[in-house]
Amino acid sequence: MSDGNVADRAFTLAEMTSSDSVTMEVLAGREGRFSQSPPLTEPPVTYLDVGEAPAYVLTNGKRGIGLGTKRKTVSPAGDRRTVVLVTGRRTLCLVGKHDEDEVISVPHEAVADVSYKTGFRAHRLALRTPRKMFHCWVHRKTDESVLEAAASFIEERQTDAPESIDGGDDANRVMYRGRPVAPQEPTPEPEEKQTRYYRGQPIDDGE
């Protein structure tokens, strides 16, 4: 896809959504939401299927995506970032690398539970499938209302009987040049506040 086509598609998709989290600059790979550096090696918009549009875009710096547990993470390289695109079909996690970005796709029909947590240093969107948890770290400057809306958006598209992702655990494993990515240790975790949903409504755990 040429630079002109990337910019045109990014602009069109940004105009289609009502969320301020979706910007032409981030989708076109020109800069991160809270950084002027290009977040990925390839523009985020190029990872979307034909007819697929992001409803929300979440980003973070070095924390990446936790696979299975918060401590087993795949993290961006150098000055790259992580971009999470929540579309009508899936949660698409893109982790920036120097040669080839990491791609983790979690279809909404495979999600058994979705929640978000807020913290002093970072926020987190957590997706649980029948086989694994996915912890999507989110920049601390992201407004909680965006996290709440994204979690509710995913919850509304869940099914009563979540499906295992095709391929079992291998489908959930992030690969780089044919080899599994080694887990990395993130910075110490901050205190968090968690919100869970049931049928589109937040659940008060204190009740």
Protein backbone atom coordinates (compact mmCIF):
# COMPACT_ATOMS: atom_id res chain seq x y z
CA MET A 1 0.00 0.00 0.00
CA SER A 2 1.47 3.36 -1.04
CA ASP A 3 1.97 6.20 1.43
CA GLY A 4 -0.89 8.08 -0.21
CA ASN A 5 -3.26 5.14 0.09
CA VAL A 6 -2.24 4.61 3.72
CA ALA A 7 -2.97 8.25 4.55
CA ASP A 8 -6.29 8.22 2.68
CA ARG A 9 -7.52 5.05 4.38
CA ALA A 10 -6.33 6.23 7.80
CA PHE A 11 -8.14 9.54 7.34
CA THR A 12 -11.35 7.83 6.21
CA LEU A 13 -11.37 5.37 9.13
CA ALA A 14 -10.64 8.12 11.65
CA GLU A 15 -13.55 10.15 10.27
CA MET A 16 -15.90 7.16 10.52
CA THR A 17 -15.62 6.72 14.29
CA SER A 18 -16.91 8.93 17.09
CA SER A 19 -14.07 8.07 19.48
CA ASP A 20 -11.29 10.62 19.87
CA SER A 21 -8.90 7.71 20.50
CA VAL A 22 -8.90 6.93 16.76
CA THR A 23 -6.71 9.42 14.91
CA MET A 24 -5.40 9.57 11.37
CA GLU A 25 -1.83 10.08 12.68
CA VAL A 26 -1.81 6.87 14.73
CA LEU A 27 -3.52 4.76 12.06
CA ALA A 28 -1.10 6.01 9.40
CA GLY A 29 1.86 5.19 11.63
CA ARG A 30 3.12 8.75 11.77
CA GLU A 31 3.11 9.01 15.55
CA GLY A 32 1.72 7.41 18.68
CA ARG A 33 -1.19 8.88 20.58
CA PHE A 34 1.13 10.17 23.31
CA SER A 35 4.39 10.22 21.32
CA GLN A 36 5.68 11.83 18.13
CA SER A 37 7.62 8.68 17.21
CA PRO A 38 6.21 6.19 14.66
CA PRO A 39 4.84 3.38 16.87
CA LEU A 40 5.35 0.46 14.46
CA THR A 41 7.51 -0.61 11.54
CA GLU A 42 4.38 -0.78 9.36
CA PRO A 43 1.38 1.59 9.64
CA PRO A 44 -1.34 0.12 11.91
CA VAL A 45 -3.97 0.61 9.19
CA THR A 46 -2.20 -1.92 6.95
CA TYR A 47 -2.98 -4.71 9.43
CA LEU A 48 -6.73 -4.23 9.11
CA ASP A 49 -8.74 -6.46 6.78
CA VAL A 50 -10.79 -5.01 3.95
CA GLY A 51 -13.96 -3.54 5.43
CA GLU A 52 -12.58 -3.63 8.98
CA ALA A 53 -12.61 -0.38 10.97
CA PRO A 54 -11.32 0.48 14.46
CA ALA A 55 -13.82 1.72 17.03
CA TYR A 56 -11.14 2.42 19.64
CA VAL A 57 -7.35 2.71 19.60
CA LEU A 58 -5.24 2.13 22.71
CA THR A 59 -1.47 2.57 22.92
CA ASN A 60 1.40 2.09 25.35
CA GLY A 61 5.15 2.48 25.39
CA LYS A 62 7.33 -0.34 26.71
CA ARG A 63 4.89 -2.60 28.54
CA GLY A 64 3.63 -4.42 25.47
CA ILE A 65 1.13 -7.29 25.75
CA GLY A 66 1.00 -9.85 28.55
CA LEU A 67 0.34 -13.39 27.34
CA GLY A 68 -1.19 -15.75 29.88
CA THR A 69 0.04 -13.64 32.80
CA LYS A 70 1.00 -10.01 33.20
CA ARG A 71 4.66 -10.97 33.62
CA LYS A 72 4.94 -12.98 30.39
CA THR A 73 5.05 -10.14 27.92
CA VAL A 74 6.06 -9.38 24.39
CA SER A 75 7.44 -5.85 24.42
CA PRO A 76 8.22 -3.29 21.71
CA ALA A 77 11.82 -2.80 20.58
CA GLY A 78 13.79 0.41 20.89
CA ASP A 79 11.61 3.48 20.40
CA ARG A 80 8.69 1.46 19.02
CA ARG A 81 5.31 1.32 20.75
CA THR A 82 2.28 -0.95 21.12
CA VAL A 83 -0.99 -0.18 19.35
CA VAL A 84 -4.25 -1.99 20.18
CA LEU A 85 -7.07 -1.67 17.64
CA VAL A 86 -10.52 -2.65 18.89
CA THR A 87 -12.62 -3.32 15.78
CA GLY A 88 -16.06 -4.80 15.21
CA ARG A 89 -14.45 -8.21 14.71
CA ARG A 90 -11.54 -8.47 17.12
CA THR A 91 -8.95 -6.89 19.38
CA LEU A 92 -5.84 -6.52 17.25
CA CYS A 93 -2.64 -6.02 19.25
CA LEU A 94 0.39 -4.72 17.35
CA VAL A 95 3.78 -4.63 19.05
CA GLY A 96 6.42 -2.57 17.25
CA LYS A 97 9.67 -4.24 16.20
CA HIS A 98 12.55 -3.03 14.05
CA ASP A 99 12.15 -5.64 11.31
CA GLU A 100 8.68 -7.15 11.63
CA ASP A 101 5.92 -6.10 14.03
CA GLU A 102 4.33 -8.69 16.31
CA VAL A 103 0.63 -9.32 15.63
CA ILE A 104 -1.79 -10.79 18.19
CA SER A 105 -5.42 -11.15 17.14
CA VAL A 106 -8.18 -12.00 19.62
CA PRO A 107 -11.62 -12.44 17.96
CA HIS A 108 -14.55 -11.17 20.02
CA GLU A 109 -16.29 -14.55 19.78
CA ALA A 110 -13.31 -16.12 21.59
CA VAL A 111 -13.55 -13.75 24.58
CA ALA A 112 -15.09 -15.24 27.72
CA ASP A 113 -14.51 -12.20 29.93
CA VAL A 114 -13.34 -8.61 29.47
CA SER A 115 -12.32 -6.12 32.12
CA TYR A 116 -10.16 -3.06 32.51
CA LYS A 117 -7.98 -1.76 35.29
CA THR A 118 -6.60 1.69 36.01
CA GLY A 119 -3.27 2.34 37.66
CA PHE A 120 -0.91 5.17 38.56
CA ARG A 121 1.75 4.14 36.01
CA ALA A 122 -0.39 2.37 33.42
CA HIS A 123 -3.87 1.05 32.70
CA ARG A 124 -4.77 -2.36 31.33
CA LEU A 125 -7.45 -4.01 29.21
CA ALA A 126 -7.72 -7.72 30.07
CA LEU A 127 -9.25 -10.32 27.75
CA ARG A 128 -9.82 -13.90 28.88
CA THR A 129 -10.36 -16.65 26.32
CA PRO A 130 -11.04 -20.34 27.10
CA ARG A 131 -7.30 -20.99 26.88
CA LYS A 132 -5.43 -17.82 27.83
CA MET A 133 -5.48 -14.30 29.25
CA PHE A 134 -4.32 -11.33 27.19
CA HIS A 135 -3.21 -8.24 29.11
CA CYS A 136 -3.16 -5.14 26.91
CA TRP A 137 -1.23 -2.41 28.71
CA VAL A 138 -2.52 1.10 28.06
CA HIS A 139 -0.87 4.51 28.51
CA ARG A 140 -1.74 6.09 31.87
CA LYS A 141 -2.90 9.31 30.16
CA THR A 142 -5.74 7.41 28.48
CA ASP A 143 -9.04 8.57 29.93
CA GLU A 144 -10.91 5.89 31.88
CA SER A 145 -14.02 6.56 29.79
CA VAL A 146 -12.18 5.24 26.73
CA LEU A 147 -11.25 2.02 28.55
CA GLU A 148 -14.81 1.64 29.80
CA ALA A 149 -16.24 2.17 26.31
CA ALA A 150 -13.77 -0.24 24.69
CA ALA A 151 -14.47 -2.96 27.28
CA SER A 152 -18.23 -2.53 26.88
CA PHE A 153 -17.86 -2.62 23.07
CA ILE A 154 -16.07 -5.99 23.26
CA GLU A 155 -18.48 -7.36 25.88
CA GLU A 156 -21.47 -6.58 23.66
CA ARG A 157 -19.93 -8.76 20.92
CA GLN A 158 -19.16 -11.77 23.08
CA THR A 159 -21.05 -15.00 22.60
CA ASP A 160 -22.68 -17.20 25.25
CA ALA A 161 -20.25 -20.01 24.40
CA PRO A 162 -16.80 -18.50 23.62
CA GLU A 163 -14.82 -20.44 21.04
CA SER A 164 -11.24 -21.58 21.48
CA ILE A 165 -8.93 -19.84 19.04
CA ASP A 166 -8.08 -22.15 16.15
CA GLY A 167 -4.82 -23.99 16.65
CA GLY A 168 -4.96 -24.23 20.43
CA ASP A 169 -2.17 -22.66 22.42
CA ASP A 170 0.02 -22.21 19.32
CA ALA A 171 -2.53 -19.75 17.93
CA ASN A 172 -2.12 -17.63 21.06
CA ARG A 173 1.66 -17.76 21.03
CA VAL A 174 3.45 -14.79 19.51
CA MET A 175 5.98 -15.87 16.90
CA TYR A 176 8.91 -13.95 15.43
CA ARG A 177 10.62 -15.40 12.34
CA GLY A 178 9.16 -18.80 13.16
CA ARG A 179 10.27 -18.88 16.80
CA PRO A 180 8.30 -18.14 19.99
CA VAL A 181 9.13 -14.81 21.58
CA ALA A 182 10.81 -15.17 24.97
CA PRO A 183 8.86 -13.66 27.89
CA GLN A 184 10.21 -10.44 29.36
CA GLU A 185 9.79 -8.91 32.79
CA PRO A 186 7.90 -5.58 32.86
CA THR A 187 8.34 -2.85 35.45
CA PRO A 188 6.65 -3.41 38.84
CA GLU A 189 2.89 -3.34 38.60
CA PRO A 190 1.00 -0.35 40.05
CA GLU A 191 -2.10 -0.47 42.15
CA GLU A 192 -5.15 -0.89 39.93
CA LYS A 193 -8.88 -0.47 39.99
CA GLN A 194 -10.83 -3.12 38.08
CA THR A 195 -14.21 -2.87 36.40
CA ARG A 196 -16.04 -5.93 35.09
CA TYR A 197 -19.06 -6.11 32.82
CA TYR A 198 -22.12 -8.28 32.48
CA ARG A 199 -24.38 -7.78 29.43
CA GLY A 200 -23.01 -4.31 28.83
CA GLN A 201 -23.41 -3.04 32.41
CA PRO A 202 -20.57 -2.49 34.91
CA ILE A 203 -20.62 -4.79 37.95
CA ASP A 204 -20.02 -3.32 41.38
CA ASP A 205 -17.87 -5.93 43.15
CA GLY A 206 -18.64 -4.29 46.47
CA GLU A 207 -22.31 -5.18 46.35
